[in-house]
Amino acid sequence: MKFLPTLALACALAAGAAAAHAQTTVKDAWVRGTVPQQKATGLFAQLTSAGGGKLVSASSPVAGIVEIHEMAMAGDVMKMRAVTGIELPAGKAVDLKPGGYHVMLMDLKQPLKEGDTVQVTFVIEGKDGKRESVAVKAPVKALTATPHKH
């Protein structure tokens, strides 16, 4: 029993070290606000993975379904489709933005209005196959909001 405080301290230090060695950072995350009855919206951010990897999933308590999407031209028509992931080249920022890659929050549990905050967890798979979860709190911006210049 006398080793429990030491074990607890060691676990706390290990957890802190793991957090300090996070490979991926998320900047400028935001969610577009919704109107009543709207069941989906987009989340946008800038992701940078120090060692490289791939964004493989995301989750949020405000949505029943969270998917990674891309917008791309197909002939003369802009189309949106789900993708299995987004490559994150080592040390290079990747923008999730309107009209490009983004995260769709679908089956929303309530309307999202400007000033709200949405918790989102990104899952990144490193080149070594290990997965890292990065939790962020993204402010909700007005329905008409446009992205910041990075």
Protein backbone atom coordinates (compact mmCIF):
# COMPACT_ATOMS: atom_id res chain seq x y z
CA MET A 1 0.00 0.00 0.00
CA LYS A 2 2.86 2.39 0.68
CA PHE A 3 3.82 2.20 -3.04
CA LEU A 4 0.44 3.48 -4.28
CA PRO A 5 1.30 7.21 -4.00
CA THR A 6 4.54 6.58 -5.89
CA LEU A 7 2.70 4.57 -8.55
CA ALA A 8 0.06 7.29 -8.88
CA LEU A 9 2.77 9.94 -9.30
CA ALA A 10 4.56 7.83 -11.93
CA CYS A 11 1.32 7.38 -13.87
CA ALA A 12 0.57 11.10 -13.71
CA LEU A 13 4.06 11.97 -14.94
CA ALA A 14 3.81 9.45 -17.78
CA ALA A 15 0.45 10.88 -18.84
CA GLY A 16 1.89 14.39 -18.77
CA ALA A 17 4.89 13.30 -20.82
CA ALA A 18 2.61 11.71 -23.40
CA ALA A 19 0.63 14.94 -23.70
CA ALA A 20 3.83 16.97 -23.97
CA HIS A 21 4.97 14.78 -26.89
CA ALA A 22 1.77 15.23 -28.92
CA GLN A 23 2.66 14.92 -32.57
CA THR A 24 -0.32 16.83 -33.97
CA THR A 25 -1.54 20.34 -33.28
CA VAL A 26 -4.89 21.82 -34.20
CA LYS A 27 -5.20 25.59 -34.73
CA ASP A 28 -8.06 27.94 -35.49
CA ALA A 29 -10.78 25.29 -35.17
CA TRP A 30 -14.32 26.58 -35.70
CA VAL A 31 -17.77 25.30 -36.54
CA ARG A 32 -20.28 27.00 -38.82
CA GLY A 33 -23.52 27.86 -37.01
CA THR A 34 -26.87 26.38 -38.04
CA VAL A 35 -30.46 27.44 -38.47
CA PRO A 36 -33.35 25.69 -36.66
CA GLN A 37 -34.03 22.19 -38.04
CA GLN A 38 -30.62 22.03 -39.77
CA LYS A 39 -29.05 18.64 -39.04
CA ALA A 40 -25.51 19.09 -40.42
CA THR A 41 -22.69 21.60 -40.46
CA GLY A 42 -18.97 21.82 -41.10
CA LEU A 43 -15.96 22.02 -38.82
CA PHE A 44 -12.83 23.73 -40.07
CA ALA A 45 -9.30 23.97 -38.66
CA GLN A 46 -5.60 23.75 -39.45
CA LEU A 47 -3.80 20.51 -38.57
CA THR A 48 -0.04 20.04 -38.38
CA SER A 49 1.57 16.68 -37.66
CA ALA A 50 5.24 16.92 -36.64
CA GLY A 51 6.03 13.37 -37.73
CA GLY A 52 3.46 13.03 -40.50
CA GLY A 53 0.43 10.82 -40.50
CA LYS A 54 -3.20 10.74 -41.46
CA LEU A 55 -6.40 12.15 -39.98
CA VAL A 56 -8.51 8.98 -39.84
CA SER A 57 -11.58 10.01 -37.85
CA ALA A 58 -13.23 12.56 -35.62
CA SER A 59 -16.01 12.51 -33.06
CA SER A 60 -18.15 15.02 -31.19
CA PRO A 61 -20.86 14.74 -28.54
CA VAL A 62 -23.04 17.22 -30.50
CA ALA A 63 -23.36 14.95 -33.55
CA GLY A 64 -24.59 11.42 -34.11
CA ILE A 65 -22.34 11.06 -37.18
CA VAL A 66 -18.97 12.69 -37.83
CA GLU A 67 -17.23 12.19 -41.19
CA ILE A 68 -14.19 13.54 -42.98
CA HIS A 69 -15.23 15.08 -46.32
CA GLU A 70 -13.74 16.75 -49.33
CA MET A 71 -15.22 19.12 -51.87
CA ALA A 72 -13.89 18.68 -55.40
CA MET A 73 -14.88 19.60 -58.92
CA ALA A 74 -16.36 16.76 -60.99
CA GLY A 75 -16.65 18.26 -64.46
CA ASP A 76 -18.54 21.51 -63.96
CA VAL A 77 -20.08 20.51 -60.64
CA MET A 78 -18.67 20.88 -57.14
CA LYS A 79 -19.30 17.64 -55.25
CA MET A 80 -18.85 16.67 -51.63
CA ARG A 81 -17.92 13.15 -50.61
CA ALA A 82 -16.74 11.28 -47.54
CA VAL A 83 -13.08 10.19 -47.52
CA THR A 84 -11.31 7.60 -45.38
CA GLY A 85 -8.71 10.10 -44.22
CA ILE A 86 -6.53 13.09 -45.00
CA GLU A 87 -2.77 12.80 -45.34
CA LEU A 88 -0.81 15.07 -43.00
CA PRO A 89 2.70 15.56 -44.41
CA ALA A 90 5.36 15.91 -41.70
CA GLY A 91 5.62 19.47 -40.44
CA LYS A 92 3.24 20.93 -43.05
CA ALA A 93 -0.04 22.58 -42.14
CA VAL A 94 -3.16 21.11 -43.74
CA ASP A 95 -6.22 23.34 -43.88
CA LEU A 96 -9.70 22.02 -43.30
CA LYS A 97 -11.72 24.77 -44.92
CA PRO A 98 -14.96 25.53 -46.75
CA GLY A 99 -14.71 24.31 -50.33
CA GLY A 100 -11.97 21.77 -49.51
CA TYR A 101 -11.32 19.13 -46.89
CA HIS A 102 -13.47 19.54 -43.77
CA VAL A 103 -15.21 17.56 -41.04
CA MET A 104 -18.97 17.12 -41.31
CA LEU A 105 -21.00 17.06 -38.10
CA MET A 106 -24.26 15.31 -38.99
CA ASP A 107 -27.37 14.21 -37.14
CA LEU A 108 -26.90 17.23 -34.87
CA LYS A 109 -28.51 16.89 -31.45
CA GLN A 110 -29.37 20.61 -31.25
CA PRO A 111 -28.93 23.80 -33.29
CA LEU A 112 -25.49 25.40 -32.98
CA LYS A 113 -25.47 29.16 -32.56
CA GLU A 114 -22.71 31.73 -32.61
CA GLY A 115 -20.99 31.80 -29.23
CA ASP A 116 -21.50 28.08 -28.51
CA THR A 117 -18.47 25.81 -28.15
CA VAL A 118 -18.23 22.36 -29.70
CA GLN A 119 -15.92 19.67 -28.36
CA VAL A 120 -14.31 17.56 -31.09
CA THR A 121 -11.75 14.78 -30.90
CA PHE A 122 -9.53 14.12 -33.92
CA VAL A 123 -7.84 10.74 -34.34
CA ILE A 124 -4.52 10.82 -36.20
CA GLU A 125 -2.64 7.70 -37.23
CA GLY A 126 1.11 8.21 -37.29
CA LYS A 127 3.50 6.71 -39.82
CA ASP A 128 4.27 4.05 -37.19
CA GLY A 129 0.60 3.00 -37.06
CA LYS A 130 0.08 4.40 -33.56
CA ARG A 131 -3.03 6.49 -33.05
CA GLU A 132 -3.18 9.82 -31.27
CA SER A 133 -6.35 11.58 -30.10
CA VAL A 134 -6.39 15.37 -30.06
CA ALA A 135 -9.33 17.03 -28.29
CA VAL A 136 -10.23 20.61 -29.16
CA LYS A 137 -12.97 23.05 -28.27
CA ALA A 138 -14.14 24.86 -31.38
CA PRO A 139 -16.18 28.05 -31.20
CA VAL A 140 -19.34 28.24 -33.28
CA LYS A 141 -19.30 31.15 -35.69
CA ALA A 142 -22.17 32.78 -37.55
CA LEU A 143 -23.72 30.85 -40.42
CA THR A 144 -22.18 33.38 -42.83
CA ALA A 145 -18.65 33.14 -41.34
CA THR A 146 -15.65 32.70 -43.62
CA PRO A 147 -12.28 31.19 -42.72
CA HIS A 148 -9.38 33.15 -41.26
CA LYS A 149 -6.29 33.66 -43.34
CA HIS A 150 -3.51 31.48 -41.89
